[in-house]
Amino acid sequence: MNSAENFMQNKQLSNQADSQPATQPLQQLLTRPDIWQLANRQRQPRTGIATGFRGLDALLANHGWPRGATSELLVDKGGIGELSLILPTLAEMTRQGRMVILINPPHIPYAPALVQAGVQLEKLLILHPRGQRDQLWAAEQSLQSGACGALVGWQTKETPADKDLRRLQVAAREGDCLHFHFRPGSCANTPSPAALRLQLKSDGEQLALQLLKQLNGKSGQRIHLARNPDLVRRDQPLH
């Protein structure tokens, strides 16, 4: 091999070595669950998990609750039967043998109404972590565990930081878990990484819903749904 051929071979090897460090970090970035890839999103089937309300499913871009994502439910005043909205989905999760976890519910869930709706109580777990830091840890661990079908959390008096909301969104995606997050109605004007945001209000015997935000779909629509006020015993607050 002459000197010219040797030079060219060494240059090719050097170029290959230089390209490997740049390629590897890029591949690692593309596998991160918190990196949103438009091309991949467009190829994925847009199917959600049925809400149990045909009218609501028709308004949602995925025709149901977004999978592995956070759905924020904004309520001005609790105890209006807001659990009625997610009860059909929670019941279906327990029938499939998946755990449903409630974290710091403000009132005692009314067990007879849950059973009547089809919830299998042996698959229902209620956690009461103390302080926002412990609540965030419990929620994150549960969401990404892969053993939880749905997690329902209630915002405490302290507003969570945006980075914490994003951590929960990523955890839900990693564990392919439904995450329902009840927050005060005053949060409607603040940005959120949630895939879906609904505002809930009481209107007689019905729940009045407004779609504030949904990925890949329209917002601003309104709908009225039947509710079950017996799902919460407001005479026994927990906090």
C-alpha atoms as a PDB file:
ATOM      1  CA  MET A   1       0.000   0.000   0.000  1.00  0.00           C
ATOM      2  CA  ASN A   2       1.521   3.341  -1.059  1.00  0.00           C
ATOM      3  CA  SER A   3       1.447   6.475   1.052  1.00  0.00           C
ATOM      4  CA  ALA A   4      -1.483   8.001  -0.877  1.00  0.00           C
ATOM      5  CA  GLU A   5      -3.697   4.924  -0.344  1.00  0.00           C
ATOM      6  CA  ASN A   6      -2.715   4.786   3.322  1.00  0.00           C
ATOM      7  CA  PHE A   7      -3.642   8.440   3.761  1.00  0.00           C
ATOM      8  CA  MET A   8      -7.077   7.950   2.167  1.00  0.00           C
ATOM      9  CA  GLN A   9      -7.853   4.890   4.308  1.00  0.00           C
ATOM     10  CA  ASN A  10      -6.890   6.684   7.511  1.00  0.00           C
ATOM     11  CA  LYS A  11      -9.043   9.654   6.515  1.00  0.00           C
ATOM     12  CA  GLN A  12     -12.077   7.409   5.941  1.00  0.00           C
ATOM     13  CA  LEU A  13     -11.638   5.735   9.333  1.00  0.00           C
ATOM     14  CA  SER A  14     -11.272   9.123  10.973  1.00  0.00           C
ATOM     15  CA  ASN A  15     -14.475  10.398   9.353  1.00  0.00           C
ATOM     16  CA  GLN A  16     -16.400   7.310  10.516  1.00  0.00           C
ATOM     17  CA  ALA A  17     -15.169   7.734  14.073  1.00  0.00           C
ATOM     18  CA  ASP A  18     -16.107  11.416  14.066  1.00  0.00           C
ATOM     19  CA  SER A  19     -19.643  10.643  12.883  1.00  0.00           C
ATOM     20  CA  GLN A  20     -20.450   8.039  15.538  1.00  0.00           C
ATOM     21  CA  PRO A  21     -20.543  10.344  18.605  1.00  0.00           C
ATOM     22  CA  ALA A  22     -22.952  12.697  16.816  1.00  0.00           C
ATOM     23  CA  THR A  23     -25.256   9.881  15.693  1.00  0.00           C
ATOM     24  CA  GLN A  24     -25.516   8.127  19.023  1.00  0.00           C
ATOM     25  CA  PRO A  25     -26.737  11.135  21.077  1.00  0.00           C
ATOM     26  CA  LEU A  26     -29.312  11.877  18.359  1.00  0.00           C
ATOM     27  CA  GLN A  27     -30.719   8.347  18.570  1.00  0.00           C
ATOM     28  CA  GLN A  28     -30.851   8.631  22.349  1.00  0.00           C
ATOM     29  CA  LEU A  29     -32.773  11.908  22.077  1.00  0.00           C
ATOM     30  CA  LEU A  30     -35.296  10.397  19.666  1.00  0.00           C
ATOM     31  CA  THR A  31     -36.111   7.608  22.135  1.00  0.00           C
ATOM     32  CA  ARG A  32     -36.845   9.993  25.003  1.00  0.00           C
ATOM     33  CA  PRO A  33     -40.565  10.024  25.898  1.00  0.00           C
ATOM     34  CA  ASP A  34     -40.583  13.773  26.506  1.00  0.00           C
ATOM     35  CA  ILE A  35     -39.469  14.549  22.936  1.00  0.00           C
ATOM     36  CA  TRP A  36     -42.536  15.180  20.754  1.00  0.00           C
ATOM     37  CA  GLN A  37     -42.005  13.991  17.167  1.00  0.00           C
ATOM     38  CA  LEU A  38     -44.509  15.318  14.655  1.00  0.00           C
ATOM     39  CA  ALA A  39     -43.797  12.661  12.025  1.00  0.00           C
ATOM     40  CA  ASN A  40     -44.294   9.810  14.484  1.00  0.00           C
ATOM     41  CA  ARG A  41     -47.453  11.397  15.875  1.00  0.00           C
ATOM     42  CA  GLN A  42     -48.953  11.609  12.395  1.00  0.00           C
ATOM     43  CA  ARG A  43     -48.288   7.909  11.756  1.00  0.00           C
ATOM     44  CA  GLN A  44     -49.814   6.733  15.028  1.00  0.00           C
ATOM     45  CA  PRO A  45     -53.516   5.737  15.031  1.00  0.00           C
ATOM     46  CA  ARG A  46     -55.662   8.377  16.691  1.00  0.00           C
ATOM     47  CA  THR A  47     -57.609   6.166  19.039  1.00  0.00           C
ATOM     48  CA  GLY A  48     -58.431   7.055  22.617  1.00  0.00           C
ATOM     49  CA  ILE A  49     -60.118   5.264  25.492  1.00  0.00           C
ATOM     50  CA  ALA A  50     -63.891   5.606  25.413  1.00  0.00           C
ATOM     51  CA  THR A  51     -65.293   8.015  27.997  1.00  0.00           C
ATOM     52  CA  GLY A  52     -68.636   6.242  28.232  1.00  0.00           C
ATOM     53  CA  PHE A  53     -70.372   9.306  26.764  1.00  0.00           C
ATOM     54  CA  ARG A  54     -70.876   9.136  22.998  1.00  0.00           C
ATOM     55  CA  GLY A  55     -71.402  12.869  22.706  1.00  0.00           C
ATOM     56  CA  LEU A  56     -68.102  13.608  24.415  1.00  0.00           C
ATOM     57  CA  ASP A  57     -66.233  10.958  22.418  1.00  0.00           C
ATOM     58  CA  ALA A  58     -67.466  12.609  19.228  1.00  0.00           C
ATOM     59  CA  LEU A  59     -65.895  15.918  20.273  1.00  0.00           C
ATOM     60  CA  LEU A  60     -62.528  14.480  21.263  1.00  0.00           C
ATOM     61  CA  ALA A  61     -59.824  14.231  18.633  1.00  0.00           C
ATOM     62  CA  ASN A  62     -58.920  10.666  19.648  1.00  0.00           C
ATOM     63  CA  HIS A  63     -62.586   9.703  20.123  1.00  0.00           C
ATOM     64  CA  GLY A  64     -61.914   9.182  23.829  1.00  0.00           C
ATOM     65  CA  TRP A  65     -59.519  10.037  26.630  1.00  0.00           C
ATOM     66  CA  PRO A  66     -55.957  10.474  25.304  1.00  0.00           C
ATOM     67  CA  ARG A  67     -53.862   7.407  26.066  1.00  0.00           C
ATOM     68  CA  GLY A  68     -50.801   7.734  28.264  1.00  0.00           C
ATOM     69  CA  ALA A  69     -51.434  11.399  28.898  1.00  0.00           C
ATOM     70  CA  THR A  70     -52.742  13.940  31.387  1.00  0.00           C
ATOM     71  CA  SER A  71     -56.334  15.132  31.165  1.00  0.00           C
ATOM     72  CA  GLU A  72     -57.002  18.166  33.335  1.00  0.00           C
ATOM     73  CA  LEU A  73     -60.486  18.623  34.770  1.00  0.00           C
ATOM     74  CA  LEU A  74     -61.000  22.155  36.042  1.00  0.00           C
ATOM     75  CA  VAL A  75     -63.676  22.552  38.712  1.00  0.00           C
ATOM     76  CA  ASP A  76     -64.606  25.756  40.538  1.00  0.00           C
ATOM     77  CA  LYS A  77     -66.292  23.916  43.390  1.00  0.00           C
ATOM     78  CA  GLY A  78     -65.916  20.237  44.219  1.00  0.00           C
ATOM     79  CA  GLY A  79     -68.768  17.932  45.107  1.00  0.00           C
ATOM     80  CA  ILE A  80     -70.824  18.559  41.970  1.00  0.00           C
ATOM     81  CA  GLY A  81     -70.654  14.908  40.921  1.00  0.00           C
ATOM     82  CA  GLU A  82     -67.522  15.499  38.863  1.00  0.00           C
ATOM     83  CA  LEU A  83     -66.458  11.878  39.302  1.00  0.00           C
ATOM     84  CA  SER A  84     -69.424  10.955  37.106  1.00  0.00           C
ATOM     85  CA  LEU A  85     -67.383  12.128  34.141  1.00  0.00           C
ATOM     86  CA  ILE A  86     -64.608   9.583  34.594  1.00  0.00           C
ATOM     87  CA  LEU A  87     -66.521   6.834  36.395  1.00  0.00           C
ATOM     88  CA  PRO A  88     -67.318   4.712  33.294  1.00  0.00           C
ATOM     89  CA  THR A  89     -63.622   4.646  32.398  1.00  0.00           C
ATOM     90  CA  LEU A  90     -62.525   3.832  35.943  1.00  0.00           C
ATOM     91  CA  ALA A  91     -65.040   0.997  36.104  1.00  0.00           C
ATOM     92  CA  GLU A  92     -63.816  -0.427  32.804  1.00  0.00           C
ATOM     93  CA  MET A  93     -60.200  -0.296  34.002  1.00  0.00           C
ATOM     94  CA  THR A  94     -61.024  -2.307  37.112  1.00  0.00           C
ATOM     95  CA  ARG A  95     -63.005  -4.835  35.046  1.00  0.00           C
ATOM     96  CA  GLN A  96     -59.876  -5.321  32.951  1.00  0.00           C
ATOM     97  CA  GLY A  97     -57.963  -6.114  36.134  1.00  0.00           C
ATOM     98  CA  ARG A  98     -55.991  -2.851  36.168  1.00  0.00           C
ATOM     99  CA  MET A  99     -55.505  -0.750  39.279  1.00  0.00           C
ATOM    100  CA  VAL A 100     -57.175   2.617  39.706  1.00  0.00           C
ATOM    101  CA  ILE A 101     -55.458   4.956  42.165  1.00  0.00           C
ATOM    102  CA  LEU A 102     -56.963   8.030  43.818  1.00  0.00           C
ATOM    103  CA  ILE A 103     -54.481  10.423  45.408  1.00  0.00           C
ATOM    104  CA  ASN A 104     -55.749  12.740  48.140  1.00  0.00           C
ATOM    105  CA  PRO A 105     -59.428  12.944  47.169  1.00  0.00           C
ATOM    106  CA  PRO A 106     -61.000  15.914  48.989  1.00  0.00           C
ATOM    107  CA  HIS A 107     -64.022  13.847  50.079  1.00  0.00           C
ATOM    108  CA  ILE A 108     -64.706  10.197  50.809  1.00  0.00           C
ATOM    109  CA  PRO A 109     -65.791   8.452  47.588  1.00  0.00           C
ATOM    110  CA  TYR A 110     -69.214   6.875  48.084  1.00  0.00           C
ATOM    111  CA  ALA A 111     -68.509   3.141  47.783  1.00  0.00           C
ATOM    112  CA  PRO A 112     -72.091   1.942  47.085  1.00  0.00           C
ATOM    113  CA  ALA A 113     -72.360   4.278  44.091  1.00  0.00           C
ATOM    114  CA  LEU A 114     -68.990   3.105  42.806  1.00  0.00           C
ATOM    115  CA  VAL A 115     -70.027  -0.541  43.054  1.00  0.00           C
ATOM    116  CA  GLN A 116     -73.340   0.178  41.358  1.00  0.00           C
ATOM    117  CA  ALA A 117     -71.425   1.778  38.492  1.00  0.00           C
ATOM    118  CA  GLY A 118     -69.313  -1.336  38.047  1.00  0.00           C
ATOM    119  CA  VAL A 119     -66.125  -0.403  39.885  1.00  0.00           C
ATOM    120  CA  GLN A 120     -64.428  -3.412  41.467  1.00  0.00           C
ATOM    121  CA  LEU A 121     -63.311  -2.048  44.808  1.00  0.00           C
ATOM    122  CA  GLU A 122     -60.501  -4.589  45.193  1.00  0.00           C
ATOM    123  CA  LYS A 123     -58.815  -2.809  42.271  1.00  0.00           C
ATOM    124  CA  LEU A 124     -59.268   0.630  43.819  1.00  0.00           C
ATOM    125  CA  LEU A 125     -56.462   2.146  45.884  1.00  0.00           C
ATOM    126  CA  ILE A 126     -56.676   5.449  47.777  1.00  0.00           C
ATOM    127  CA  LEU A 127     -53.416   7.143  48.818  1.00  0.00           C
ATOM    128  CA  HIS A 128     -52.988  10.026  51.239  1.00  0.00           C
ATOM    129  CA  PRO A 129     -49.423  11.330  50.908  1.00  0.00           C
ATOM    130  CA  ARG A 130     -48.603  14.324  53.075  1.00  0.00           C
ATOM    131  CA  GLY A 131     -47.342  17.450  51.374  1.00  0.00           C
ATOM    132  CA  GLN A 132     -47.044  18.311  47.708  1.00  0.00           C
ATOM    133  CA  ARG A 133     -43.586  16.766  47.368  1.00  0.00           C
ATOM    134  CA  ASP A 134     -44.791  13.358  48.574  1.00  0.00           C
ATOM    135  CA  GLN A 135     -47.928  13.638  46.456  1.00  0.00           C
ATOM    136  CA  LEU A 136     -45.869  14.347  43.342  1.00  0.00           C
ATOM    137  CA  TRP A 137     -43.584  11.394  44.085  1.00  0.00           C
ATOM    138  CA  ALA A 138     -46.504   9.011  44.644  1.00  0.00           C
ATOM    139  CA  ALA A 139     -48.222  10.137  41.458  1.00  0.00           C
ATOM    140  CA  GLU A 140     -45.099   9.901  39.338  1.00  0.00           C
ATOM    141  CA  GLN A 141     -44.185   6.441  40.616  1.00  0.00           C
ATOM    142  CA  SER A 142     -47.722   5.147  40.114  1.00  0.00           C
ATOM    143  CA  LEU A 143     -48.065   6.572  36.612  1.00  0.00           C
ATOM    144  CA  GLN A 144     -44.845   5.114  35.275  1.00  0.00           C
ATOM    145  CA  SER A 145     -45.162   1.766  37.066  1.00  0.00           C
ATOM    146  CA  GLY A 146     -47.043   0.074  34.241  1.00  0.00           C
ATOM    147  CA  ALA A 147     -49.372  -1.541  36.788  1.00  0.00           C
ATOM    148  CA  CYS A 148     -51.805   1.363  37.013  1.00  0.00           C
ATOM    149  CA  GLY A 149     -54.617   1.762  34.504  1.00  0.00           C
ATOM    150  CA  ALA A 150     -55.762   5.181  35.684  1.00  0.00           C
ATOM    151  CA  LEU A 151     -54.657   7.654  38.317  1.00  0.00           C
ATOM    152  CA  VAL A 152     -56.848  10.444  39.653  1.00  0.00           C
ATOM    153  CA  GLY A 153     -55.229  13.304  41.535  1.00  0.00           C
ATOM    154  CA  TRP A 154     -56.456  16.527  43.092  1.00  0.00           C
ATOM    155  CA  GLN A 155     -54.397  19.675  43.235  1.00  0.00           C
ATOM    156  CA  THR A 156     -53.552  20.847  46.733  1.00  0.00           C
ATOM    157  CA  LYS A 157     -53.656  24.463  47.871  1.00  0.00           C
ATOM    158  CA  GLU A 158     -50.127  24.867  46.504  1.00  0.00           C
ATOM    159  CA  THR A 159     -50.029  25.252  42.721  1.00  0.00           C
ATOM    160  CA  PRO A 160     -47.600  22.769  41.148  1.00  0.00           C
ATOM    161  CA  ALA A 161     -44.721  24.115  39.085  1.00  0.00           C
ATOM    162  CA  ASP A 162     -44.810  23.703  35.327  1.00  0.00           C
ATOM    163  CA  LYS A 163     -41.849  21.317  35.450  1.00  0.00           C
ATOM    164  CA  ASP A 164     -43.768  19.087  37.884  1.00  0.00           C
ATOM    165  CA  LEU A 165     -46.796  18.988  35.589  1.00  0.00           C
ATOM    166  CA  ARG A 166     -44.501  17.985  32.743  1.00  0.00           C
ATOM    167  CA  ARG A 167     -42.975  15.225  34.861  1.00  0.00           C
ATOM    168  CA  LEU A 168     -46.422  13.759  35.432  1.00  0.00           C
ATOM    169  CA  GLN A 169     -47.239  13.995  31.734  1.00  0.00           C
ATOM    170  CA  VAL A 170     -44.028  12.122  30.862  1.00  0.00           C
ATOM    171  CA  ALA A 171     -44.668   9.520  33.576  1.00  0.00           C
ATOM    172  CA  ALA A 172     -48.173   8.863  32.227  1.00  0.00           C
ATOM    173  CA  ARG A 173     -46.718   8.335  28.769  1.00  0.00           C
ATOM    174  CA  GLU A 174     -44.008   6.004  30.030  1.00  0.00           C
ATOM    175  CA  GLY A 175     -46.485   3.853  31.962  1.00  0.00           C
ATOM    176  CA  ASP A 176     -49.267   4.083  29.349  1.00  0.00           C
ATOM    177  CA  CYS A 177     -51.555   5.263  32.136  1.00  0.00           C
ATOM    178  CA  LEU A 178     -54.574   7.560  32.112  1.00  0.00           C
ATOM    179  CA  HIS A 179     -53.937  10.565  34.324  1.00  0.00           C
ATOM    180  CA  PHE A 180     -56.915  12.631  35.456  1.00  0.00           C
ATOM    181  CA  HIS A 181     -55.900  15.778  37.306  1.00  0.00           C
ATOM    182  CA  PHE A 182     -58.578  17.823  39.060  1.00  0.00           C
ATOM    183  CA  ARG A 183     -57.519  21.466  39.372  1.00  0.00           C
ATOM    184  CA  PRO A 184     -59.291  24.712  40.348  1.00  0.00           C
ATOM    185  CA  GLY A 185     -61.166  26.521  37.617  1.00  0.00           C
ATOM    186  CA  SER A 186     -58.864  29.519  38.120  1.00  0.00           C
ATOM    187  CA  CYS A 187     -56.083  27.516  36.423  1.00  0.00           C
ATOM    188  CA  ALA A 188     -57.886  27.806  33.087  1.00  0.00           C
ATOM    189  CA  ASN A 189     -55.922  30.929  32.166  1.00  0.00           C
ATOM    190  CA  THR A 190     -52.514  29.424  32.913  1.00  0.00           C
ATOM    191  CA  PRO A 191     -50.567  27.301  30.394  1.00  0.00           C
ATOM    192  CA  SER A 192     -50.447  23.549  30.939  1.00  0.00           C
ATOM    193  CA  PRO A 193     -48.664  20.623  29.240  1.00  0.00           C
ATOM    194  CA  ALA A 194     -51.812  18.476  29.582  1.00  0.00           C
ATOM    195  CA  ALA A 195     -53.030  16.803  26.398  1.00  0.00           C
ATOM    196  CA  LEU A 196     -56.639  17.645  27.245  1.00  0.00           C
ATOM    197  CA  ARG A 197     -58.251  20.333  29.407  1.00  0.00           C
ATOM    198  CA  LEU A 198     -61.952  20.382  30.294  1.00  0.00           C
ATOM    199  CA  GLN A 199     -63.796  22.900  32.444  1.00  0.00           C
ATOM    200  CA  LEU A 200     -66.633  21.445  34.538  1.00  0.00           C
ATOM    201  CA  LYS A 201     -69.576  23.297  36.060  1.00  0.00           C
ATOM    202  CA  SER A 202     -72.850  22.279  37.642  1.00  0.00           C
ATOM    203  CA  ASP A 203     -76.007  22.976  35.652  1.00  0.00           C
ATOM    204  CA  GLY A 204     -79.027  21.530  37.410  1.00  0.00           C
ATOM    205  CA  GLU A 205     -78.872  17.737  37.195  1.00  0.00           C
ATOM    206  CA  GLN A 206     -76.141  17.865  34.572  1.00  0.00           C
ATOM    207  CA  LEU A 207     -72.459  18.602  34.215  1.00  0.00           C
ATOM    208  CA  ALA A 208     -71.661  21.430  31.826  1.00  0.00           C
ATOM    209  CA  LEU A 209     -68.363  20.842  30.025  1.00  0.00           C
ATOM    210  CA  GLN A 210     -66.249  23.128  27.879  1.00  0.00           C
ATOM    211  CA  LEU A 211     -63.216  21.936  25.927  1.00  0.00           C
ATOM    212  CA  LEU A 212     -60.429  24.379  26.666  1.00  0.00           C
ATOM    213  CA  LYS A 213     -57.621  22.487  24.942  1.00  0.00           C
ATOM    214  CA  GLN A 214     -56.925  19.236  23.151  1.00  0.00           C
ATOM    215  CA  LEU A 215     -53.974  18.134  21.053  1.00  0.00           C
ATOM    216  CA  ASN A 216     -54.749  17.606  17.372  1.00  0.00           C
ATOM    217  CA  GLY A 217     -58.319  18.775  17.851  1.00  0.00           C
ATOM    218  CA  LYS A 218     -60.641  21.736  18.135  1.00  0.00           C
ATOM    219  CA  SER A 219     -61.395  23.562  21.361  1.00  0.00           C
ATOM    220  CA  GLY A 220     -64.213  25.739  22.616  1.00  0.00           C
ATOM    221  CA  GLN A 221     -67.030  23.199  22.222  1.00  0.00           C
ATOM    222  CA  ARG A 222     -69.586  22.772  24.999  1.00  0.00           C
ATOM    223  CA  ILE A 223     -71.632  19.763  26.049  1.00  0.00           C
ATOM    224  CA  HIS A 224     -73.970  18.748  28.885  1.00  0.00           C
ATOM    225  CA  LEU A 225     -73.725  15.288  30.456  1.00  0.00           C
ATOM    226  CA  ALA A 226     -75.699  13.404  33.071  1.00  0.00           C
ATOM    227  CA  ARG A 227     -74.097  13.222  36.507  1.00  0.00           C
ATOM    228  CA  ASN A 228     -74.397  11.195  39.692  1.00  0.00           C
ATOM    229  CA  PRO A 229     -74.252  13.472  42.785  1.00  0.00           C
ATOM    230  CA  ASP A 230     -74.140  10.435  45.098  1.00  0.00           C
ATOM    231  CA  LEU A 231     -70.557   9.691  44.098  1.00  0.00           C
ATOM    232  CA  VAL A 232     -69.250  12.041  46.770  1.00  0.00           C
ATOM    233  CA  ARG A 233     -70.284  12.312  50.409  1.00  0.00           C
ATOM    234  CA  ARG A 234     -69.707  15.984  51.007  1.00  0.00           C
ATOM    235  CA  ASP A 235     -70.549  15.655  54.702  1.00  0.00           C
ATOM    236  CA  GLN A 236     -67.277  13.793  55.285  1.00  0.00           C
ATOM    237  CA  PRO A 237     -64.414  15.955  53.985  1.00  0.00           C
ATOM    238  CA  LEU A 238     -60.930  14.485  54.243  1.00  0.00           C
ATOM    239  CA  HIS A 239     -58.926  17.712  54.359  1.00  0.00           C
END
